[in-house]
Amino acid sequence: MMDISGRTKVCAIIGYPVDHSLSPTIHNASFRHLGLDYVYVAFNVQPEELEGAILGVKSLGIYGLNVTMPHKISVIQYLDKLDDDARRVGSVNTILNLNGKLIGYTTDGIGALNALKYSGVDPSGKKIVILGAGGASRSISFTLAKWAYEIVILNRTLERAISLVNDIKRALGAETNIRASQFNDENLRAEIENADILINATSIGMKPKETETPVKREFLRRDLVVFDIVYDPPETRLLREAKAIGAKTIDGLSMLIHQGAASFEIWTGLKAPIEVMRKAALKKIRRGRKGD
C-alpha cells in the first residue's frame, strides 16, 4: 500500500468516460517502483464541468494532469501556457501545475515516435501511411512529419484529412511532404504498396469490435511495419494478420506506455520505468478479461 499524506503529490486523468483507463495502473506502478511520494487517480469530467474541474486543479494543488477525450482541445482555453508542440498541434494531453500556473503539453506524438524507436524502427526517410484524421492521428502526424520522407493520411471523410494536412503545412512549412486521400480499399492498396510503415490511428478493431480490421490481409506485406494504436485488445486482428505473414508489428500499448512515460518525465524529471509500466498494464488487462 502507498503511504499517502498531506505531502503526497496528486496526479490525475480527466475525461469522459475514464472508468477503464489504464493510466492509474501505469503511473502508480511507476511511482511505487521508484519510491516516489505521488499518487494517480481518475476523474470522470463531463464537457460542461471542464472549467470547474480545471479551477479545482488549481485550488486543490493537483500537481499533474492527463487529459483525454473529449477535452484535449477545449481544455486549452483554461491553461496559462502551452509548450511549442501543444501550440502547433492544437491539442493537450498533459498538464503541469507549476506554482499555480497550468502548462499544457502534448505527448501523444512523441509517444508514437518513441514506440517506433523502442521497437527498433527509425521513421527517418520513410513513407508512412496513417489511417484516420482524428485527434490521435493529428498528434502522430505532426510529430512524424518532421522525420518521414512522406506521409499519406487516409480518412473516410476526405475534407477532414485535407484540413489536417493544411494545418501541418502551415505549422511546419509548405514544403512538408504530406498529403491526404480518401480511405477506401483502392487507395489503401495503392498507398501501402510502396509504404514502409502503416499506422492505424482509428478505433477499428477496438474491443468490443475486435473481429474488425481496417486493412485486408492481402494488402499487407512482410517488409511493412504495422503499428496499431488500439491497445485493447493488446493484439488486434490487424496485428495478428500482419504477424502471420512475417511483418514487424507494434501494438497500441507501446504508444500508451511511451506517451505516459513522457507525461511522467514532465511531472517528475525522472526517466520513466518503461517495462514496469508495460507489465502493470498487461496484468490489469488480463485481470479485466477474466472478469468479462
Protein backbone atom coordinates (compact mmCIF):
# COMPACT_ATOMS: atom_id res chain seq x y z
CA MET A 1 0.00 0.00 0.00
CA MET A 2 1.11 3.54 -0.70
CA ASP A 3 1.65 5.75 2.33
CA ILE A 4 -0.39 8.82 1.36
CA SER A 5 -0.03 12.00 3.39
CA GLY A 6 -0.58 15.73 3.08
CA ARG A 7 2.77 15.94 1.30
CA THR A 8 1.83 13.42 -1.40
CA LYS A 9 1.73 14.92 -4.88
CA VAL A 10 -1.54 14.11 -6.63
CA CYS A 11 -1.70 13.44 -10.37
CA ALA A 12 -4.84 12.50 -12.26
CA ILE A 13 -6.54 11.88 -15.57
CA ILE A 14 -9.70 13.71 -16.62
CA GLY A 15 -12.00 12.74 -19.46
CA TYR A 16 -15.38 11.20 -20.10
CA PRO A 17 -15.53 8.34 -19.62
CA VAL A 18 -12.32 7.27 -17.87
CA ASP A 19 -13.60 4.34 -15.81
CA HIS A 20 -11.45 1.82 -17.68
CA SER A 21 -8.34 3.98 -18.13
CA LEU A 22 -5.03 2.17 -17.66
CA SER A 23 -3.26 5.38 -16.67
CA PRO A 24 -3.74 4.97 -12.88
CA THR A 25 -2.32 1.45 -13.09
CA ILE A 26 0.67 2.53 -15.17
CA HIS A 27 1.61 5.60 -13.16
CA ASN A 28 1.03 4.21 -9.67
CA ALA A 29 3.20 1.21 -10.55
CA SER A 30 5.94 3.63 -11.64
CA PHE A 31 5.64 5.75 -8.51
CA ARG A 32 5.89 2.64 -6.29
CA HIS A 33 8.82 1.27 -8.26
CA LEU A 34 10.83 4.48 -7.84
CA GLY A 35 9.67 5.15 -4.28
CA LEU A 36 8.07 8.50 -5.18
CA ASP A 37 5.54 10.20 -2.90
CA TYR A 38 2.97 10.57 -5.68
CA VAL A 39 -0.47 9.09 -6.29
CA TYR A 40 -2.52 8.98 -9.50
CA VAL A 41 -6.33 8.90 -9.72
CA ALA A 42 -9.03 9.18 -12.39
CA PHE A 43 -11.89 11.70 -12.58
CA ASN A 44 -14.87 11.50 -14.90
CA VAL A 45 -15.43 15.07 -16.09
CA GLN A 46 -18.28 15.82 -18.48
CA PRO A 47 -17.78 18.65 -21.02
CA GLU A 48 -19.96 21.13 -19.16
CA GLU A 49 -17.90 20.53 -15.98
CA LEU A 50 -14.48 21.13 -17.53
CA GLU A 51 -13.96 24.75 -16.45
CA GLY A 52 -14.87 23.92 -12.86
CA ALA A 53 -12.56 20.90 -12.91
CA ILE A 54 -9.59 22.98 -14.07
CA LEU A 55 -10.30 25.60 -11.41
CA GLY A 56 -10.35 22.71 -8.94
CA VAL A 57 -6.94 21.55 -10.14
CA LYS A 58 -5.53 24.94 -9.15
CA SER A 59 -7.48 25.20 -5.89
CA LEU A 60 -6.59 21.70 -4.72
CA GLY A 61 -2.99 21.88 -5.89
CA ILE A 62 -3.21 18.83 -8.12
CA TYR A 63 0.32 18.58 -9.47
CA GLY A 64 -0.03 16.79 -12.80
CA LEU A 65 -2.89 16.01 -15.10
CA ASN A 66 -3.52 13.84 -18.13
CA VAL A 67 -6.36 14.92 -20.39
CA THR A 68 -8.22 12.53 -22.63
CA MET A 69 -11.27 12.72 -24.87
CA PRO A 70 -13.33 14.82 -25.19
CA HIS A 71 -11.26 17.58 -23.56
CA LYS A 72 -7.90 17.64 -25.39
CA ILE A 73 -8.77 20.75 -27.39
CA SER A 74 -11.32 22.51 -25.20
CA VAL A 75 -9.04 22.44 -22.14
CA ILE A 76 -6.57 24.81 -23.85
CA GLN A 77 -8.69 27.91 -23.13
CA TYR A 78 -8.28 27.36 -19.38
CA LEU A 79 -4.48 26.98 -19.34
CA ASP A 80 -1.87 29.63 -18.59
CA LYS A 81 0.74 28.47 -21.10
CA LEU A 82 1.34 25.92 -23.87
CA ASP A 83 4.61 24.38 -24.89
CA ASP A 84 5.56 24.78 -28.56
CA ASP A 85 4.38 21.33 -29.70
CA ALA A 86 0.99 21.66 -28.00
CA ARG A 87 0.51 25.08 -29.59
CA ARG A 88 1.33 23.75 -33.07
CA VAL A 89 -0.82 20.64 -32.74
CA GLY A 90 -3.68 22.47 -31.02
CA SER A 91 -4.17 19.65 -28.52
CA VAL A 92 -3.16 18.99 -24.90
CA ASN A 93 -2.98 15.67 -23.09
CA THR A 94 -0.63 16.57 -20.23
CA ILE A 95 -0.69 19.47 -17.77
CA LEU A 96 1.91 20.51 -15.20
CA ASN A 97 0.78 22.69 -12.30
CA LEU A 98 3.87 24.82 -11.72
CA ASN A 99 3.27 27.02 -8.68
CA GLY A 100 -0.35 27.60 -9.67
CA LYS A 101 0.36 28.14 -13.38
CA LEU A 102 -1.02 25.41 -15.64
CA ILE A 103 1.26 24.49 -18.55
CA GLY A 104 -0.10 22.31 -21.36
CA TYR A 105 1.86 19.70 -23.32
CA THR A 106 1.09 17.04 -25.89
CA THR A 107 2.85 13.68 -25.53
CA ASP A 108 0.76 11.59 -27.96
CA GLY A 109 3.04 12.24 -30.93
CA ILE A 110 6.27 11.65 -29.02
CA GLY A 111 4.64 8.52 -27.60
CA ALA A 112 4.17 7.15 -31.12
CA LEU A 113 7.68 8.18 -32.18
CA ASN A 114 9.28 6.58 -29.13
CA ALA A 115 7.19 3.42 -29.54
CA LEU A 116 8.62 3.11 -33.06
CA LYS A 117 12.18 3.75 -31.93
CA TYR A 118 11.88 1.45 -28.90
CA SER A 119 10.86 -1.30 -31.33
CA GLY A 120 13.91 -0.63 -33.49
CA VAL A 121 12.07 1.29 -36.22
CA ASP A 122 13.54 4.59 -37.41
CA PRO A 123 10.92 6.67 -39.27
CA SER A 124 13.58 8.90 -40.85
CA GLY A 125 13.26 8.99 -44.63
CA LYS A 126 10.35 6.55 -44.66
CA LYS A 127 6.95 6.65 -46.34
CA ILE A 128 4.29 6.40 -43.65
CA VAL A 129 0.60 5.73 -44.27
CA ILE A 130 -1.67 6.85 -41.43
CA LEU A 131 -5.30 5.71 -41.22
CA GLY A 132 -7.66 8.27 -39.70
CA ALA A 133 -7.57 12.03 -39.20
CA GLY A 134 -8.86 12.36 -35.63
CA GLY A 135 -7.09 13.58 -32.51
CA ALA A 136 -4.60 10.72 -32.28
CA SER A 137 -3.72 10.97 -35.97
CA ARG A 138 -3.26 14.71 -35.60
CA SER A 139 -0.63 14.41 -32.88
CA ILE A 140 1.14 11.49 -34.57
CA SER A 141 1.17 13.20 -37.97
CA PHE A 142 2.57 16.47 -36.63
CA THR A 143 5.44 14.62 -34.92
CA LEU A 144 6.31 12.12 -37.65
CA ALA A 145 6.10 14.74 -40.42
CA LYS A 146 9.41 16.09 -39.04
CA TRP A 147 11.06 12.72 -39.66
CA ALA A 148 9.39 10.94 -42.55
CA TYR A 149 10.16 11.30 -46.24
CA GLU A 150 6.44 11.22 -46.99
CA ILE A 151 3.21 10.91 -45.04
CA VAL A 152 -0.15 9.97 -46.51
CA ILE A 153 -3.27 10.40 -44.38
CA LEU A 154 -6.26 8.28 -45.40
CA ASN A 155 -9.63 9.18 -43.93
CA ARG A 156 -13.21 8.29 -44.83
CA THR A 157 -14.14 11.97 -44.65
CA LEU A 158 -11.59 13.38 -47.09
CA GLU A 159 -12.18 17.01 -46.09
CA ARG A 160 -11.02 16.29 -42.53
CA ALA A 161 -7.79 14.74 -43.79
CA ILE A 162 -7.18 17.69 -46.12
CA SER A 163 -7.75 20.11 -43.24
CA LEU A 164 -5.18 18.24 -41.14
CA VAL A 165 -2.64 18.26 -43.97
CA ASN A 166 -3.12 22.01 -44.43
CA ASP A 167 -2.65 22.62 -40.69
CA ILE A 168 0.60 20.66 -40.73
CA LYS A 169 1.91 22.50 -43.79
CA ARG A 170 1.11 25.85 -42.17
CA ALA A 171 2.93 24.84 -38.99
CA LEU A 172 5.94 23.01 -40.45
CA GLY A 173 6.26 24.61 -43.87
CA ALA A 174 4.60 24.30 -47.27
CA GLU A 175 7.41 22.02 -48.44
CA THR A 176 6.41 19.31 -45.92
CA ASN A 177 5.78 16.12 -47.92
CA ILE A 178 2.34 15.20 -46.63
CA ARG A 179 -0.91 14.60 -48.47
CA ALA A 180 -4.46 13.35 -47.97
CA SER A 181 -6.53 10.73 -49.72
CA GLN A 182 -9.89 9.02 -49.34
CA PHE A 183 -9.82 5.95 -47.10
CA ASN A 184 -11.07 3.15 -49.36
CA ASP A 185 -9.69 -0.20 -50.48
CA GLU A 186 -8.42 1.07 -53.82
CA ASN A 187 -6.39 3.92 -52.32
CA LEU A 188 -5.28 1.84 -49.36
CA ARG A 189 -3.87 -0.90 -51.59
CA ALA A 190 -2.07 1.63 -53.80
CA GLU A 191 -0.52 3.59 -50.91
CA ILE A 192 0.56 0.54 -48.90
CA GLU A 193 2.25 -0.98 -51.94
CA ASN A 194 5.35 1.19 -51.55
CA ALA A 195 4.97 2.28 -47.91
CA ASP A 196 7.46 1.47 -45.16
CA ILE A 197 5.21 1.99 -42.14
CA LEU A 198 1.43 1.66 -41.71
CA ILE A 199 -0.22 3.22 -38.67
CA ASN A 200 -3.83 2.55 -37.73
CA ALA A 201 -4.94 5.68 -35.84
CA THR A 202 -8.64 4.76 -35.96
CA SER A 203 -10.67 2.79 -33.42
CA ILE A 204 -11.31 -0.05 -35.89
CA GLY A 205 -10.51 -3.33 -34.13
CA MET A 206 -11.01 -1.97 -30.63
CA LYS A 207 -12.90 -4.01 -28.07
CA PRO A 208 -15.81 -4.94 -28.29
CA LYS A 209 -15.39 -4.99 -32.11
CA GLU A 210 -12.09 -6.88 -32.08
CA THR A 211 -13.09 -9.02 -35.07
CA GLU A 212 -12.84 -5.96 -37.34
CA THR A 213 -9.74 -4.76 -39.20
CA PRO A 214 -9.11 -1.60 -41.25
CA VAL A 215 -6.87 -3.40 -43.77
CA LYS A 216 -7.49 -6.53 -45.81
CA ARG A 217 -4.90 -9.20 -45.17
CA GLU A 218 -3.93 -9.39 -48.84
CA PHE A 219 -2.83 -5.73 -48.77
CA LEU A 220 -0.16 -6.42 -46.15
CA ARG A 221 3.48 -7.19 -46.94
CA ARG A 222 6.21 -8.94 -45.00
CA ASP A 223 8.52 -5.90 -45.23
CA LEU A 224 5.85 -3.46 -43.94
CA VAL A 225 5.97 -2.24 -40.33
CA VAL A 226 2.40 -2.36 -38.97
CA PHE A 227 1.61 -0.17 -35.95
CA ASP A 228 -1.89 -0.23 -34.42
CA ILE A 229 -2.60 2.36 -31.71
CA VAL A 230 -5.57 0.31 -30.39
CA TYR A 231 -4.44 -1.24 -27.07
CA ASP A 232 -7.50 -3.25 -26.06
CA PRO A 233 -7.18 -5.97 -27.18
CA PRO A 234 -3.36 -5.85 -26.87
CA GLU A 235 -3.08 -7.74 -30.16
CA THR A 236 -5.67 -6.63 -32.71
CA ARG A 237 -6.79 -8.60 -35.73
CA LEU A 238 -4.67 -6.28 -37.90
CA LEU A 239 -1.55 -7.10 -35.87
CA ARG A 240 -2.29 -10.84 -35.81
CA GLU A 241 -2.67 -10.95 -39.59
CA ALA A 242 0.46 -8.85 -40.13
CA LYS A 243 2.45 -11.05 -37.77
CA ALA A 244 1.18 -14.17 -39.54
CA ILE A 245 2.88 -13.11 -42.79
CA GLY A 246 6.11 -12.17 -41.01
CA ALA A 247 5.66 -8.39 -40.82
CA LYS A 248 7.07 -6.43 -37.87
CA THR A 249 4.27 -5.24 -35.58
CA ILE A 250 3.96 -2.61 -32.85
CA ASP A 251 0.96 -2.61 -30.54
CA GLY A 252 -1.06 0.27 -29.15
CA LEU A 253 0.01 -0.46 -25.61
CA SER A 254 3.52 0.63 -26.64
CA MET A 255 2.22 4.07 -27.64
CA LEU A 256 0.13 4.35 -24.46
CA ILE A 257 3.16 3.49 -22.34
CA HIS A 258 5.50 5.88 -24.13
CA GLN A 259 3.12 8.83 -24.09
CA GLY A 260 2.52 8.08 -20.40
CA ALA A 261 6.28 7.92 -19.87
CA ALA A 262 6.66 11.38 -21.43
CA SER A 263 4.00 12.74 -19.04
CA PHE A 264 5.72 11.03 -16.10
CA GLU A 265 9.03 12.68 -17.00
CA ILE A 266 7.39 16.13 -17.29
CA TRP A 267 5.98 15.76 -13.76
CA THR A 268 8.91 14.09 -12.00
CA GLY A 269 12.01 14.99 -14.00
CA LEU A 270 12.96 11.29 -13.82
CA LYS A 271 13.28 8.64 -16.50
CA ALA A 272 10.13 6.52 -16.62
CA PRO A 273 10.43 2.77 -15.96
CA ILE A 274 9.00 1.59 -19.30
CA GLU A 275 8.98 -2.15 -18.59
CA VAL A 276 7.37 -1.65 -15.17
CA MET A 277 4.61 0.35 -16.86
CA ARG A 278 4.06 -2.28 -19.54
CA LYS A 279 3.93 -5.22 -17.12
CA ALA A 280 1.44 -3.41 -14.88
CA ALA A 281 -0.79 -2.55 -17.85
CA LEU A 282 -0.76 -6.10 -19.23
CA LYS A 283 -1.58 -7.52 -15.81
CA LYS A 284 -4.52 -5.14 -15.49
CA ILE A 285 -5.83 -6.02 -18.98
CA ARG A 286 -5.60 -9.77 -18.30
CA ARG A 287 -7.29 -9.43 -14.93
CA GLY A 288 -10.09 -7.43 -16.55
CA ARG A 289 -10.60 -10.08 -19.21
CA LYS A 290 -11.07 -12.76 -16.57
CA GLY A 291 -13.96 -10.71 -15.21
CA ASP A 292 -15.68 -10.26 -18.61
